[in-house]
C-alpha cells in the first residue's frame, strides 16, 4: 500500500510543483539576484510541501482516530460482523503521517531541480 501511496504522491508533487515553479519564475530570478543559492531555494520549496503535508497528515490522523470505528463498524454490521473496534497504537497512527510527510518533502525537493535552471535573464525578458 505504501508503494501506491508513494506513486500517487510522486505524481501529485510533479504536477503541482511544475505549476508552482512556472508561476514563480520571476520571483526565483529575483531571489537569485539577491544572492540566494539554488540549494537554499530548493530547500525552502520542499519546506512548503513538508508544512502542508504535515498539517494535512495531522488533520487526517485526528479524523481517522475519531471516525474510523463508527464508520467501519456500521459498514461491517451490514455484512454481518456485529462488533468492530480498532485501537491503533501511537506508532500505528503517527507512522503513516510521518511517511507521507517525508515523501512529499523528498519529492518536492527532487522536483525543485528546475530551480537551478532559472536564468537571471528572466527579469529582463519581461
PDB file of N, CA and C in Angstrom:
ATOM      1  N   UNK A   1       0.821  -1.184   0.000  1.00  0.00           N
ATOM      2  CA  UNK A   1       0.000   0.000   0.000  1.00  0.00           C
ATOM      3  C   UNK A   1       0.874   1.260   0.000  1.00  0.00           C
ATOM      4  N   UNK A   2       2.004   1.193   0.705  1.00  0.00           N
ATOM      5  CA  UNK A   2       2.888   2.353   0.737  1.00  0.00           C
ATOM      6  C   UNK A   2       3.474   2.651  -0.640  1.00  0.00           C
ATOM      7  N   UNK A   3       3.646   1.637  -1.474  1.00  0.00           N
ATOM      8  CA  UNK A   3       4.161   1.865  -2.830  1.00  0.00           C
ATOM      9  C   UNK A   3       3.141   2.642  -3.650  1.00  0.00           C
ATOM     10  N   UNK A   4       1.874   2.282  -3.539  1.00  0.00           N
ATOM     11  CA  UNK A   4       0.829   3.016  -4.266  1.00  0.00           C
ATOM     12  C   UNK A   4       0.725   4.451  -3.768  1.00  0.00           C
ATOM     13  N   UNK A   5       0.846   4.632  -2.469  1.00  0.00           N
ATOM     14  CA  UNK A   5       0.814   5.984  -1.901  1.00  0.00           C
ATOM     15  C   UNK A   5       2.003   6.794  -2.410  1.00  0.00           C
ATOM     16  N   UNK A   6       3.180   6.156  -2.478  1.00  0.00           N
ATOM     17  CA  UNK A   6       4.377   6.850  -2.958  1.00  0.00           C
ATOM     18  C   UNK A   6       4.238   7.237  -4.422  1.00  0.00           C
ATOM     19  N   UNK A   7       3.655   6.379  -5.234  1.00  0.00           N
ATOM     20  CA  UNK A   7       3.443   6.702  -6.652  1.00  0.00           C
ATOM     21  C   UNK A   7       2.450   7.859  -6.784  1.00  0.00           C
ATOM     22  N   UNK A   8       1.381   7.809  -6.014  1.00  0.00           N
ATOM     23  CA  UNK A   8       0.393   8.895  -6.036  1.00  0.00           C
ATOM     24  C   UNK A   8       1.019  10.215  -5.608  1.00  0.00           C
ATOM     25  N   UNK A   9       1.807  10.197  -4.540  1.00  0.00           N
ATOM     26  CA  UNK A   9       2.456  11.419  -4.055  1.00  0.00           C
ATOM     27  C   UNK A   9       3.442  11.942  -5.084  1.00  0.00           C
ATOM     28  N   UNK A  10       4.171  11.057  -5.742  1.00  0.00           N
ATOM     29  CA  UNK A  10       5.112  11.474  -6.784  1.00  0.00           C
ATOM     30  C   UNK A  10       4.397  12.184  -7.921  1.00  0.00           C
ATOM     31  N   UNK A  11       3.298  11.624  -8.380  1.00  0.00           N
ATOM     32  CA  UNK A  11       2.552  12.232  -9.487  1.00  0.00           C
ATOM     33  C   UNK A  11       1.975  13.584  -9.071  1.00  0.00           C
ATOM     34  N   UNK A  12       1.379  13.642  -7.895  1.00  0.00           N
ATOM     35  CA  UNK A  12       0.794  14.899  -7.416  1.00  0.00           C
ATOM     36  C   UNK A  12       1.865  15.961  -7.239  1.00  0.00           C
ATOM     37  N   UNK A  13       2.999  15.580  -6.699  1.00  0.00           N
ATOM     38  CA  UNK A  13       4.079  16.542  -6.466  1.00  0.00           C
ATOM     39  C   UNK A  13       4.644  17.068  -7.774  1.00  0.00           C
ATOM     40  N   UNK A  14       4.828  16.211  -8.737  1.00  0.00           N
ATOM     41  CA  UNK A  14       5.349  16.655 -10.040  1.00  0.00           C
ATOM     42  C   UNK A  14       4.373  17.612 -10.707  1.00  0.00           C
ATOM     43  N   UNK A  15       3.090  17.271 -10.687  1.00  0.00           N
ATOM     44  CA  UNK A  15       2.095  18.136 -11.320  1.00  0.00           C
ATOM     45  C   UNK A  15       1.998  19.485 -10.615  1.00  0.00           C
ATOM     46  N   UNK A  16       1.979  19.460  -9.302  1.00  0.00           N
ATOM     47  CA  UNK A  16       1.841  20.700  -8.531  1.00  0.00           C
ATOM     48  C   UNK A  16       3.093  21.561  -8.629  1.00  0.00           C
ATOM     49  N   UNK A  17       4.248  20.938  -8.493  1.00  0.00           N
ATOM     50  CA  UNK A  17       5.485  21.713  -8.484  1.00  0.00           C
ATOM     51  C   UNK A  17       5.770  22.337  -9.840  1.00  0.00           C
ATOM     52  N   UNK A  18       5.409  21.682 -10.916  1.00  0.00           N
ATOM     53  CA  UNK A  18       5.645  22.285 -12.226  1.00  0.00           C
ATOM     54  C   UNK A  18       4.809  23.546 -12.404  1.00  0.00           C
ATOM     55  N   UNK A  19       3.570  23.525 -11.911  1.00  0.00           N
ATOM     56  CA  UNK A  19       2.738  24.726 -11.996  1.00  0.00           C
ATOM     57  C   UNK A  19       3.255  25.832 -11.087  1.00  0.00           C
ATOM     58  N   UNK A  20       3.671  25.469  -9.890  1.00  0.00           N
ATOM     59  CA  UNK A  20       4.185  26.472  -8.952  1.00  0.00           C
ATOM     60  C   UNK A  20       5.465  27.098  -9.491  1.00  0.00           C
ATOM     61  N   UNK A  21       6.364  26.266  -9.990  1.00  0.00           N
ATOM     62  CA  UNK A  21       7.641  26.793 -10.481  1.00  0.00           C
ATOM     63  C   UNK A  21       7.469  27.672 -11.712  1.00  0.00           C
ATOM     64  N   UNK A  22       6.552  27.316 -12.585  1.00  0.00           N
ATOM     65  CA  UNK A  22       6.343  28.170 -13.756  1.00  0.00           C
ATOM     66  C   UNK A  22       5.698  29.501 -13.365  1.00  0.00           C
ATOM     67  N   UNK A  23       4.853  29.482 -12.337  1.00  0.00           N
ATOM     68  CA  UNK A  23       4.225  30.724 -11.881  1.00  0.00           C
ATOM     69  C   UNK A  23       5.198  31.614 -11.117  1.00  0.00           C
ATOM     70  N   UNK A  24       6.227  31.019 -10.530  1.00  0.00           N
ATOM     71  CA  UNK A  24       7.164  31.785  -9.702  1.00  0.00           C
ATOM     72  C   UNK A  24       8.519  32.009 -10.381  1.00  0.00           C
ATOM     73  N   UNK A  25       8.586  31.910 -11.678  1.00  0.00           N
ATOM     74  CA  UNK A  25       9.851  32.098 -12.394  1.00  0.00           C
ATOM     75  C   UNK A  25      10.473  33.452 -12.081  1.00  0.00           C
ATOM     76  N   UNK A  26       9.677  34.474 -12.132  1.00  0.00           N
ATOM     77  CA  UNK A  26      10.194  35.831 -11.911  1.00  0.00           C
ATOM     78  C   UNK A  26      10.697  36.001 -10.479  1.00  0.00           C
ATOM     79  N   UNK A  27       9.923  35.483  -9.519  1.00  0.00           N
ATOM     80  CA  UNK A  27      10.335  35.577  -8.119  1.00  0.00           C
ATOM     81  C   UNK A  27      11.640  34.825  -7.874  1.00  0.00           C
ATOM     82  N   UNK A  28      11.771  33.670  -8.487  1.00  0.00           N
ATOM     83  CA  UNK A  28      13.004  32.902  -8.319  1.00  0.00           C
ATOM     84  C   UNK A  28      14.195  33.653  -8.897  1.00  0.00           C
ATOM     85  N   UNK A  29      13.982  34.313 -10.018  1.00  0.00           N
ATOM     86  CA  UNK A  29      15.055  35.138 -10.587  1.00  0.00           C
ATOM     87  C   UNK A  29      15.447  36.270  -9.649  1.00  0.00           C
ATOM     88  N   UNK A  30      14.473  36.874  -9.011  1.00  0.00           N
ATOM     89  CA  UNK A  30      14.750  37.947  -8.052  1.00  0.00           C
ATOM     90  C   UNK A  30      15.543  37.406  -6.867  1.00  0.00           C
ATOM     91  N   UNK A  31      15.126  36.276  -6.346  1.00  0.00           N
ATOM     92  CA  UNK A  31      15.852  35.680  -5.218  1.00  0.00           C
ATOM     93  C   UNK A  31      17.288  35.338  -5.591  1.00  0.00           C
ATOM     94  N   UNK A  32      17.474  34.858  -6.817  1.00  0.00           N
ATOM     95  CA  UNK A  32      18.840  34.529  -7.243  1.00  0.00           C
ATOM     96  C   UNK A  32      19.706  35.779  -7.365  1.00  0.00           C
ATOM     97  N   UNK A  33      19.130  36.878  -7.853  1.00  0.00           N
ATOM     98  CA  UNK A  33      19.923  38.101  -7.952  1.00  0.00           C
ATOM     99  C   UNK A  33      20.214  38.694  -6.573  1.00  0.00           C
ATOM    100  N   UNK A  34      19.371  38.388  -5.590  1.00  0.00           N
ATOM    101  CA  UNK A  34      19.629  38.851  -4.228  1.00  0.00           C
ATOM    102  C   UNK A  34      20.694  38.013  -3.522  1.00  0.00           C
ATOM    103  N   UNK A  35      21.087  36.903  -4.120  1.00  0.00           N
ATOM    104  CA  UNK A  35      22.162  36.100  -3.560  1.00  0.00           C
ATOM    105  C   UNK A  35      21.751  34.757  -2.988  1.00  0.00           C
ATOM    106  N   UNK A  36      20.491  34.413  -3.098  1.00  0.00           N
ATOM    107  CA  UNK A  36      20.069  33.091  -2.621  1.00  0.00           C
ATOM    108  C   UNK A  36      20.615  32.030  -3.568  1.00  0.00           C
ATOM    109  N   UNK A  37      21.119  30.954  -3.012  1.00  0.00           N
ATOM    110  CA  UNK A  37      21.625  29.874  -3.849  1.00  0.00           C
ATOM    111  C   UNK A  37      20.466  28.990  -4.299  1.00  0.00           C
ATOM    112  N   UNK A  38      20.716  28.215  -5.341  1.00  0.00           N
ATOM    113  CA  UNK A  38      19.690  27.299  -5.824  1.00  0.00           C
ATOM    114  C   UNK A  38      19.359  26.258  -4.769  1.00  0.00           C
ATOM    115  N   UNK A  39      20.368  25.846  -4.007  1.00  0.00           N
ATOM    116  CA  UNK A  39      20.137  24.838  -2.971  1.00  0.00           C
ATOM    117  C   UNK A  39      19.209  25.375  -1.884  1.00  0.00           C
ATOM    118  N   UNK A  40      19.419  26.624  -1.455  1.00  0.00           N
ATOM    119  CA  UNK A  40      18.543  27.165  -0.414  1.00  0.00           C
ATOM    120  C   UNK A  40      17.133  27.385  -0.942  1.00  0.00           C
ATOM    121  N   UNK A  41      16.996  27.748  -2.201  1.00  0.00           N
ATOM    122  CA  UNK A  41      15.658  27.894  -2.782  1.00  0.00           C
ATOM    123  C   UNK A  41      14.954  26.544  -2.898  1.00  0.00           C
ATOM    124  N   UNK A  42      15.721  25.509  -3.201  1.00  0.00           N
ATOM    125  CA  UNK A  42      15.153  24.165  -3.265  1.00  0.00           C
ATOM    126  C   UNK A  42      14.678  23.711  -1.892  1.00  0.00           C
ATOM    127  N   UNK A  43      15.465  23.997  -0.865  1.00  0.00           N
ATOM    128  CA  UNK A  43      15.068  23.616   0.493  1.00  0.00           C
ATOM    129  C   UNK A  43      13.810  24.345   0.939  1.00  0.00           C
ATOM    130  N   UNK A  44      13.714  25.619   0.631  1.00  0.00           N
ATOM    131  CA  UNK A  44      12.506  26.346   1.019  1.00  0.00           C
ATOM    132  C   UNK A  44      11.290  25.868   0.231  1.00  0.00           C
ATOM    133  N   UNK A  45      11.510  25.487  -1.016  1.00  0.00           N
ATOM    134  CA  UNK A  45      10.419  24.952  -1.833  1.00  0.00           C
ATOM    135  C   UNK A  45       9.916  23.637  -1.240  1.00  0.00           C
ATOM    136  N   UNK A  46      10.830  22.762  -0.864  1.00  0.00           N
ATOM    137  CA  UNK A  46      10.411  21.486  -0.277  1.00  0.00           C
ATOM    138  C   UNK A  46       9.842  21.676   1.122  1.00  0.00           C
ATOM    139  N   UNK A  47      10.261  22.726   1.811  1.00  0.00           N
ATOM    140  CA  UNK A  47       9.718  23.013   3.132  1.00  0.00           C
ATOM    141  C   UNK A  47       8.227  23.354   3.045  1.00  0.00           C
ATOM    142  N   UNK A  48       7.827  24.013   1.972  1.00  0.00           N
ATOM    143  CA  UNK A  48       6.402  24.307   1.779  1.00  0.00           C
ATOM    144  C   UNK A  48       5.591  23.023   1.667  1.00  0.00           C
ATOM    145  N   UNK A  49       6.123  22.060   0.903  1.00  0.00           N
ATOM    146  CA  UNK A  49       5.443  20.769   0.778  1.00  0.00           C
ATOM    147  C   UNK A  49       5.402  20.063   2.128  1.00  0.00           C
ATOM    148  N   UNK A  50       6.482  20.155   2.890  1.00  0.00           N
ATOM    149  CA  UNK A  50       6.536  19.489   4.195  1.00  0.00           C
ATOM    150  C   UNK A  50       5.509  20.071   5.155  1.00  0.00           C
ATOM    151  N   UNK A  51       5.396  21.383   5.199  1.00  0.00           N
ATOM    152  CA  UNK A  51       4.460  22.024   6.131  1.00  0.00           C
ATOM    153  C   UNK A  51       3.017  21.659   5.798  1.00  0.00           C
ATOM    154  N   UNK A  52       2.678  21.734   4.522  1.00  0.00           N
ATOM    155  CA  UNK A  52       1.299  21.433   4.128  1.00  0.00           C
ATOM    156  C   UNK A  52       0.974  19.958   4.333  1.00  0.00           C
ATOM    157  N   UNK A  53       1.903  19.070   3.998  1.00  0.00           N
ATOM    158  CA  UNK A  53       1.627  17.641   4.178  1.00  0.00           C
ATOM    159  C   UNK A  53       1.587  17.265   5.646  1.00  0.00           C
ATOM    160  N   UNK A  54       2.393  17.915   6.480  1.00  0.00           N
ATOM    161  CA  UNK A  54       2.337  17.654   7.916  1.00  0.00           C
ATOM    162  C   UNK A  54       1.003  18.106   8.494  1.00  0.00           C
ATOM    163  N   UNK A  55       0.532  19.267   8.069  1.00  0.00           N
ATOM    164  CA  UNK A  55      -0.764  19.756   8.520  1.00  0.00           C
ATOM    165  C   UNK A  55      -1.887  18.822   8.063  1.00  0.00           C
ATOM    166  N   UNK A  56      -1.865  18.428   6.801  1.00  0.00           N
ATOM    167  CA  UNK A  56      -2.881  17.513   6.285  1.00  0.00           C
ATOM    168  C   UNK A  56      -2.818  16.146   6.942  1.00  0.00           C
ATOM    169  N   UNK A  57      -1.604  15.666   7.193  1.00  0.00           N
ATOM    170  CA  UNK A  57      -1.459  14.387   7.873  1.00  0.00           C
ATOM    171  C   UNK A  57      -1.976  14.425   9.295  1.00  0.00           C
ATOM    172  N   UNK A  58      -1.742  15.530   9.983  1.00  0.00           N
ATOM    173  CA  UNK A  58      -2.238  15.665  11.353  1.00  0.00           C
ATOM    174  C   UNK A  58      -3.769  15.690  11.375  1.00  0.00           C
ATOM    175  N   UNK A  59      -4.366  16.477  10.490  1.00  0.00           N
ATOM    176  CA  UNK A  59      -5.834  16.544  10.427  1.00  0.00           C
ATOM    177  C   UNK A  59      -6.410  15.179  10.044  1.00  0.00           C
ATOM    178  N   UNK A  60      -5.797  14.512   9.082  1.00  0.00           N
ATOM    179  CA  UNK A  60      -6.264  13.189   8.672  1.00  0.00           C
ATOM    180  C   UNK A  60      -6.150  12.156   9.771  1.00  0.00           C
ATOM    181  N   UNK A  61      -5.073  12.218  10.528  1.00  0.00           N
ATOM    182  CA  UNK A  61      -4.897  11.285  11.638  1.00  0.00           C
ATOM    183  C   UNK A  61      -5.928  11.512  12.730  1.00  0.00           C
ATOM    184  N   UNK A  62      -6.197  12.764  13.040  1.00  0.00           N
ATOM    185  CA  UNK A  62      -7.208  13.068  14.057  1.00  0.00           C
ATOM    186  C   UNK A  62      -8.587  12.609  13.588  1.00  0.00           C
ATOM    187  N   UNK A  63      -8.932  12.901  12.335  1.00  0.00           N
ATOM    188  CA  UNK A  63     -10.235  12.484  11.817  1.00  0.00           C
ATOM    189  C   UNK A  63     -10.362  10.961  11.753  1.00  0.00           C
ATOM    190  N   UNK A  64      -9.287  10.286  11.370  1.00  0.00           N
ATOM    191  CA  UNK A  64      -9.323   8.820  11.322  1.00  0.00           C
ATOM    192  C   UNK A  64      -9.479   8.229  12.715  1.00  0.00           C
ATOM    193  N   UNK A  65      -8.834   8.830  13.685  1.00  0.00           N
ATOM    194  CA  UNK A  65      -8.953   8.346  15.061  1.00  0.00           C
ATOM    195  C   UNK A  65     -10.381   8.513  15.576  1.00  0.00           C
ATOM    196  N   UNK A  66     -11.006   9.616  15.219  1.00  0.00           N
ATOM    197  CA  UNK A  66     -12.353   9.903  15.722  1.00  0.00           C
ATOM    198  C   UNK A  66     -13.415   9.074  14.994  1.00  0.00           C
ATOM    199  N   UNK A  67     -13.313   8.950  13.679  1.00  0.00           N
ATOM    200  CA  UNK A  67     -14.420   8.388  12.896  1.00  0.00           C
ATOM    201  C   UNK A  67     -14.235   6.959  12.399  1.00  0.00           C
ATOM    202  N   UNK A  68     -13.064   6.370  12.501  1.00  0.00           N
ATOM    203  CA  UNK A  68     -12.855   5.047  11.917  1.00  0.00           C
ATOM    204  C   UNK A  68     -13.749   3.992  12.541  1.00  0.00           C
ATOM    205  N   UNK A  69     -13.793   3.916  13.844  1.00  0.00           N
ATOM    206  CA  UNK A  69     -14.590   2.873  14.488  1.00  0.00           C
ATOM    207  C   UNK A  69     -16.069   2.954  14.121  1.00  0.00           C
ATOM    208  N   UNK A  70     -16.633   4.145  14.130  1.00  0.00           N
ATOM    209  CA  UNK A  70     -18.071   4.255  13.842  1.00  0.00           C
ATOM    210  C   UNK A  70     -18.383   3.974  12.373  1.00  0.00           C
ATOM    211  N   UNK A  71     -17.567   4.498  11.459  1.00  0.00           N
ATOM    212  CA  UNK A  71     -17.847   4.289  10.037  1.00  0.00           C
ATOM    213  C   UNK A  71     -17.593   2.844   9.608  1.00  0.00           C
ATOM    214  N   UNK A  72     -16.461   2.292   9.973  1.00  0.00           N
ATOM    215  CA  UNK A  72     -16.156   0.915   9.589  1.00  0.00           C
ATOM    216  C   UNK A  72     -17.073  -0.049  10.334  1.00  0.00           C
ATOM    217  N   UNK A  73     -17.403   0.263  11.590  1.00  0.00           N
ATOM    218  CA  UNK A  73     -18.323  -0.579  12.347  1.00  0.00           C
ATOM    219  C   UNK A  73     -19.698  -0.657  11.701  1.00  0.00           C
ATOM    220  N   UNK A  74     -20.196   0.467  11.209  1.00  0.00           N
ATOM    221  CA  UNK A  74     -21.511   0.447  10.557  1.00  0.00           C
ATOM    222  C   UNK A  74     -21.456  -0.308   9.231  1.00  0.00           C
ATOM    223  N   UNK A  75     -20.351  -0.226   8.521  1.00  0.00           N
ATOM    224  CA  UNK A  75     -20.215  -0.995   7.280  1.00  0.00           C
ATOM    225  C   UNK A  75     -20.104  -2.491   7.574  1.00  0.00           C
ATOM    226  N   UNK A  76     -19.415  -2.838   8.626  1.00  0.00           N
ATOM    227  CA  UNK A  76     -19.269  -4.252   8.985  1.00  0.00           C
ATOM    228  C   UNK A  76     -20.587  -4.845   9.467  1.00  0.00           C
ATOM    229  N   UNK A  77     -21.431  -4.041  10.118  1.00  0.00           N
ATOM    230  CA  UNK A  77     -22.741  -4.534  10.558  1.00  0.00           C
ATOM    231  C   UNK A  77     -23.599  -4.918   9.365  1.00  0.00           C
ATOM    232  N   UNK A  78     -23.442  -4.195   8.258  1.00  0.00           N
ATOM    233  CA  UNK A  78     -24.190  -4.551   7.052  1.00  0.00           C
ATOM    234  C   UNK A  78     -23.762  -5.904   6.505  1.00  0.00           C
ATOM    235  N   UNK A  79     -22.536  -6.301   6.793  1.00  0.00           N
ATOM    236  CA  UNK A  79     -22.018  -7.576   6.304  1.00  0.00           C
ATOM    237  C   UNK A  79     -22.111  -8.680   7.346  1.00  0.00           C
ATOM    238  N   UNK A  80     -22.708  -8.392   8.483  1.00  0.00           N
ATOM    239  CA  UNK A  80     -22.932  -9.427   9.478  1.00  0.00           C
ATOM    240  C   UNK A  80     -21.921  -9.463  10.608  1.00  0.00           C
ATOM    241  N   UNK A  81     -20.960  -8.594  10.605  1.00  0.00           N
ATOM    242  CA  UNK A  81     -19.990  -8.532  11.703  1.00  0.00           C
ATOM    243  C   UNK A  81     -20.510  -7.484  12.673  1.00  0.00           C
ATOM    244  N   UNK A  82     -20.895  -7.926  13.865  1.00  0.00           N
ATOM    245  CA  UNK A  82     -21.597  -7.016  14.758  1.00  0.00           C
ATOM    246  C   UNK A  82     -20.686  -6.184  15.645  1.00  0.00           C
ATOM    247  N   UNK A  83     -19.472  -6.617  15.875  1.00  0.00           N
ATOM    248  CA  UNK A  83     -18.620  -5.883  16.802  1.00  0.00           C
ATOM    249  C   UNK A  83     -17.270  -5.613  16.140  1.00  0.00           C
ATOM    250  N   UNK A  84     -16.978  -4.365  15.894  1.00  0.00           N
ATOM    251  CA  UNK A  84     -15.696  -3.973  15.302  1.00  0.00           C
ATOM    252  C   UNK A  84     -15.096  -2.854  16.127  1.00  0.00           C
ATOM    253  N   UNK A  85     -13.856  -3.004  16.463  1.00  0.00           N
ATOM    254  CA  UNK A  85     -13.151  -1.905  17.122  1.00  0.00           C
ATOM    255  C   UNK A  85     -11.686  -1.964  16.703  1.00  0.00           C
ATOM    256  N   UNK A  86     -11.180  -0.808  16.384  1.00  0.00           N
ATOM    257  CA  UNK A  86      -9.760  -0.713  16.053  1.00  0.00           C
ATOM    258  C   UNK A  86      -9.112   0.170  17.099  1.00  0.00           C
ATOM    259  N   UNK A  87      -7.974  -0.213  17.517  1.00  0.00           N
ATOM    260  CA  UNK A  87      -7.272   0.597  18.507  1.00  0.00           C
ATOM    261  C   UNK A  87      -5.797   0.660  18.130  1.00  0.00           C
ATOM    262  N   UNK A  88      -5.480   1.464  17.108  1.00  0.00           N
ATOM    263  CA  UNK A  88      -4.068   1.559  16.730  1.00  0.00           C
ATOM    264  C   UNK A  88      -3.282   2.277  17.819  1.00  0.00           C
ATOM    265  N   UNK A  89      -2.062   1.838  17.999  1.00  0.00           N
ATOM    266  CA  UNK A  89      -1.203   2.485  18.973  1.00  0.00           C
ATOM    267  C   UNK A  89      -0.674   3.801  18.438  1.00  0.00           C
ATOM    268  N   UNK A  90       0.146   4.427  19.235  1.00  0.00           N
ATOM    269  CA  UNK A  90       0.707   5.719  18.845  1.00  0.00           C
ATOM    270  C   UNK A  90       1.531   5.591  17.566  1.00  0.00           C
ATOM    271  N   UNK A  91       2.354   4.566  17.488  1.00  0.00           N
ATOM    272  CA  UNK A  91       3.198   4.371  16.301  1.00  0.00           C
ATOM    273  C   UNK A  91       2.346   4.066  15.072  1.00  0.00           C
ATOM    274  N   UNK A  92       1.296   3.291  15.254  1.00  0.00           N
ATOM    275  CA  UNK A  92       0.408   2.964  14.134  1.00  0.00           C
ATOM    276  C   UNK A  92      -0.347   4.161  13.599  1.00  0.00           C
ATOM    277  N   UNK A  93      -0.534   5.169  14.426  1.00  0.00           N
ATOM    278  CA  UNK A  93      -1.237   6.376  13.990  1.00  0.00           C
ATOM    279  C   UNK A  93      -0.276   7.406  13.411  1.00  0.00           C
ATOM    280  N   UNK A  94       0.933   7.487  13.955  1.00  0.00           N
ATOM    281  CA  UNK A  94       1.867   8.537  13.562  1.00  0.00           C
ATOM    282  C   UNK A  94       2.758   8.113  12.390  1.00  0.00           C
ATOM    283  N   UNK A  95       3.044   6.834  12.260  1.00  0.00           N
ATOM    284  CA  UNK A  95       3.937   6.371  11.196  1.00  0.00           C
ATOM    285  C   UNK A  95       3.440   6.720   9.793  1.00  0.00           C
ATOM    286  N   UNK A  96       2.169   6.480   9.445  1.00  0.00           N
ATOM    287  CA  UNK A  96       1.715   6.869   8.109  1.00  0.00           C
ATOM    288  C   UNK A  96       1.836   8.368   7.851  1.00  0.00           C
ATOM    289  N   UNK A  97       1.531   9.179   8.858  1.00  0.00           N
ATOM    290  CA  UNK A  97       1.659  10.621   8.706  1.00  0.00           C
ATOM    291  C   UNK A  97       3.112  11.011   8.463  1.00  0.00           C
ATOM    292  N   UNK A  98       4.028  10.402   9.173  1.00  0.00           N
ATOM    293  CA  UNK A  98       5.447  10.707   9.007  1.00  0.00           C
ATOM    294  C   UNK A  98       5.957  10.268   7.639  1.00  0.00           C
ATOM    295  N   UNK A  99       5.523   9.109   7.181  1.00  0.00           N
ATOM    296  CA  UNK A  99       5.965   8.609   5.875  1.00  0.00           C
ATOM    297  C   UNK A  99       5.439   9.503   4.752  1.00  0.00           C
ATOM    298  N   UNK A 100       4.185   9.881   4.826  1.00  0.00           N
ATOM    299  CA  UNK A 100       3.603  10.742   3.791  1.00  0.00           C
ATOM    300  C   UNK A 100       4.282  12.109   3.776  1.00  0.00           C
ATOM    301  N   UNK A 101       4.544  12.663   4.942  1.00  0.00           N
ATOM    302  CA  UNK A 101       5.237  13.955   5.022  1.00  0.00           C
ATOM    303  C   UNK A 101       6.634  13.854   4.443  1.00  0.00           C
ATOM    304  N   UNK A 102       7.344  12.792   4.772  1.00  0.00           N
ATOM    305  CA  UNK A 102       8.689  12.592   4.241  1.00  0.00           C
ATOM    306  C   UNK A 102       8.670  12.445   2.719  1.00  0.00           C
ATOM    307  N   UNK A 103       7.706  11.690   2.192  1.00  0.00           N
ATOM    308  CA  UNK A 103       7.624  11.502   0.746  1.00  0.00           C
ATOM    309  C   UNK A 103       7.331  12.814   0.032  1.00  0.00           C
ATOM    310  N   UNK A 104       6.398  13.593   0.539  1.00  0.00           N
ATOM    311  CA  UNK A 104       6.114  14.893  -0.073  1.00  0.00           C
ATOM    312  C   UNK A 104       7.340  15.805  -0.036  1.00  0.00           C
ATOM    313  N   UNK A 105       8.057  15.799   1.071  1.00  0.00           N
ATOM    314  CA  UNK A 105       9.237  16.651   1.194  1.00  0.00           C
ATOM    315  C   UNK A 105      10.328  16.234   0.224  1.00  0.00           C
ATOM    316  N   UNK A 106      10.616  14.951   0.159  1.00  0.00           N
ATOM    317  CA  UNK A 106      11.673  14.459  -0.734  1.00  0.00           C
ATOM    318  C   UNK A 106      11.296  14.678  -2.188  1.00  0.00           C
ATOM    319  N   UNK A 107      10.072  14.349  -2.556  1.00  0.00           N
ATOM    320  CA  UNK A 107       9.658  14.544  -3.944  1.00  0.00           C
ATOM    321  C   UNK A 107       9.582  16.020  -4.306  1.00  0.00           C
ATOM    322  N   UNK A 108       9.209  16.862  -3.353  1.00  0.00           N
ATOM    323  CA  UNK A 108       9.216  18.307  -3.593  1.00  0.00           C
ATOM    324  C   UNK A 108      10.627  18.816  -3.830  1.00  0.00           C
ATOM    325  N   UNK A 109      11.572  18.308  -3.045  1.00  0.00           N
ATOM    326  CA  UNK A 109      12.974  18.716  -3.222  1.00  0.00           C
ATOM    327  C   UNK A 109      13.514  18.234  -4.572  1.00  0.00           C
ATOM    328  N   UNK A 110      13.176  17.007  -4.949  1.00  0.00           N
ATOM    329  CA  UNK A 110      13.648  16.481  -6.233  1.00  0.00           C
ATOM    330  C   UNK A 110      13.024  17.223  -7.415  1.00  0.00           C
ATOM    331  N   UNK A 111      11.756  17.567  -7.305  1.00  0.00           N
ATOM    332  CA  UNK A 111      11.113  18.272  -8.414  1.00  0.00           C
ATOM    333  C   UNK A 111      11.547  19.724  -8.496  1.00  0.00           C
ATOM    334  N   UNK A 112      12.166  20.240  -7.448  1.00  0.00           N
ATOM    335  CA  UNK A 112      12.660  21.614  -7.462  1.00  0.00           C
ATOM    336  C   UNK A 112      14.004  21.723  -8.166  1.00  0.00           C
ATOM    337  N   UNK A 113      14.427  20.673  -8.825  1.00  0.00           N
ATOM    338  CA  UNK A 113      15.674  20.704  -9.608  1.00  0.00           C
ATOM    339  C   UNK A 113      15.611  21.777 -10.689  1.00  0.00           C
ATOM    340  N   UNK A 114      14.420  22.098 -11.132  1.00  0.00           N
ATOM    341  CA  UNK A 114      14.243  23.112 -12.171  1.00  0.00           C
ATOM    342  C   UNK A 114      14.675  24.503 -11.706  1.00  0.00           C
ATOM    343  N   UNK A 115      14.786  24.689 -10.399  1.00  0.00           N
ATOM    344  CA  UNK A 115      15.200  25.992  -9.878  1.00  0.00           C
ATOM    345  C   UNK A 115      16.625  26.314 -10.319  1.00  0.00           C
ATOM    346  N   UNK A 116      17.449  25.296 -10.444  1.00  0.00           N
ATOM    347  CA  UNK A 116      18.833  25.522 -10.885  1.00  0.00           C
ATOM    348  C   UNK A 116      18.891  26.083 -12.307  1.00  0.00           C
ATOM    349  N   UNK A 117      17.883  25.777 -13.092  1.00  0.00           N
ATOM    350  CA  UNK A 117      17.881  26.170 -14.496  1.00  0.00           C
ATOM    351  C   UNK A 117      17.244  27.531 -14.743  1.00  0.00           C
ATOM    352  N   UNK A 118      16.780  28.197 -13.707  1.00  0.00           N
ATOM    353  CA  UNK A 118      16.159  29.511 -13.866  1.00  0.00           C
ATOM    354  C   UNK A 118      17.266  30.518 -14.152  1.00  0.00           C
ATOM    355  N   UNK A 119      17.242  31.130 -15.327  1.00  0.00           N
ATOM    356  CA  UNK A 119      18.297  32.099 -15.637  1.00  0.00           C
ATOM    357  C   UNK A 119      18.022  33.445 -14.984  1.00  0.00           C
ATOM    358  N   UNK A 120      19.077  34.174 -14.741  1.00  0.00           N
ATOM    359  CA  UNK A 120      18.913  35.511 -14.183  1.00  0.00           C
ATOM    360  C   UNK A 120      18.327  36.473 -15.203  1.00  0.00           C
ATOM    361  N   UNK A 121      18.370  36.106 -16.469  1.00  0.00           N
ATOM    362  CA  UNK A 121      17.837  36.966 -17.517  1.00  0.00           C
ATOM    363  C   UNK A 121      16.317  36.928 -17.566  1.00  0.00           C
ATOM    364  N   UNK A 122      15.681  36.134 -16.727  1.00  0.00           N
ATOM    365  CA  UNK A 122      14.226  36.090 -16.703  1.00  0.00           C
ATOM    366  C   UNK A 122      13.660  37.445 -16.286  1.00  0.00           C
ATOM    367  N   UNK A 123      14.436  38.209 -15.553  1.00  0.00           N
ATOM    368  CA  UNK A 123      13.984  39.547 -15.137  1.00  0.00           C
ATOM    369  C   UNK A 123      13.981  40.535 -16.304  1.00  0.00           C
ATOM    370  N   UNK A 124      14.920  40.418 -17.223  1.00  0.00           N
ATOM    371  CA  UNK A 124      14.976  41.331 -18.343  1.00  0.00           C
ATOM    372  C   UNK A 124      14.058  40.923 -19.476  1.00  0.00           C
ATOM    373  N   UNK A 125      13.580  39.690 -19.454  1.00  0.00           N
ATOM    374  CA  UNK A 125      12.707  39.202 -20.520  1.00  0.00           C
ATOM    375  C   UNK A 125      11.339  39.865 -20.480  1.00  0.00           C
ATOM    376  N   UNK A 126      10.910  40.285 -19.306  1.00  0.00           N
ATOM    377  CA  UNK A 126       9.582  40.895 -19.206  1.00  0.00           C
ATOM    378  C   UNK A 126       9.733  42.349 -19.316  1.00  0.00           C
TER     379      UNK A 126
END
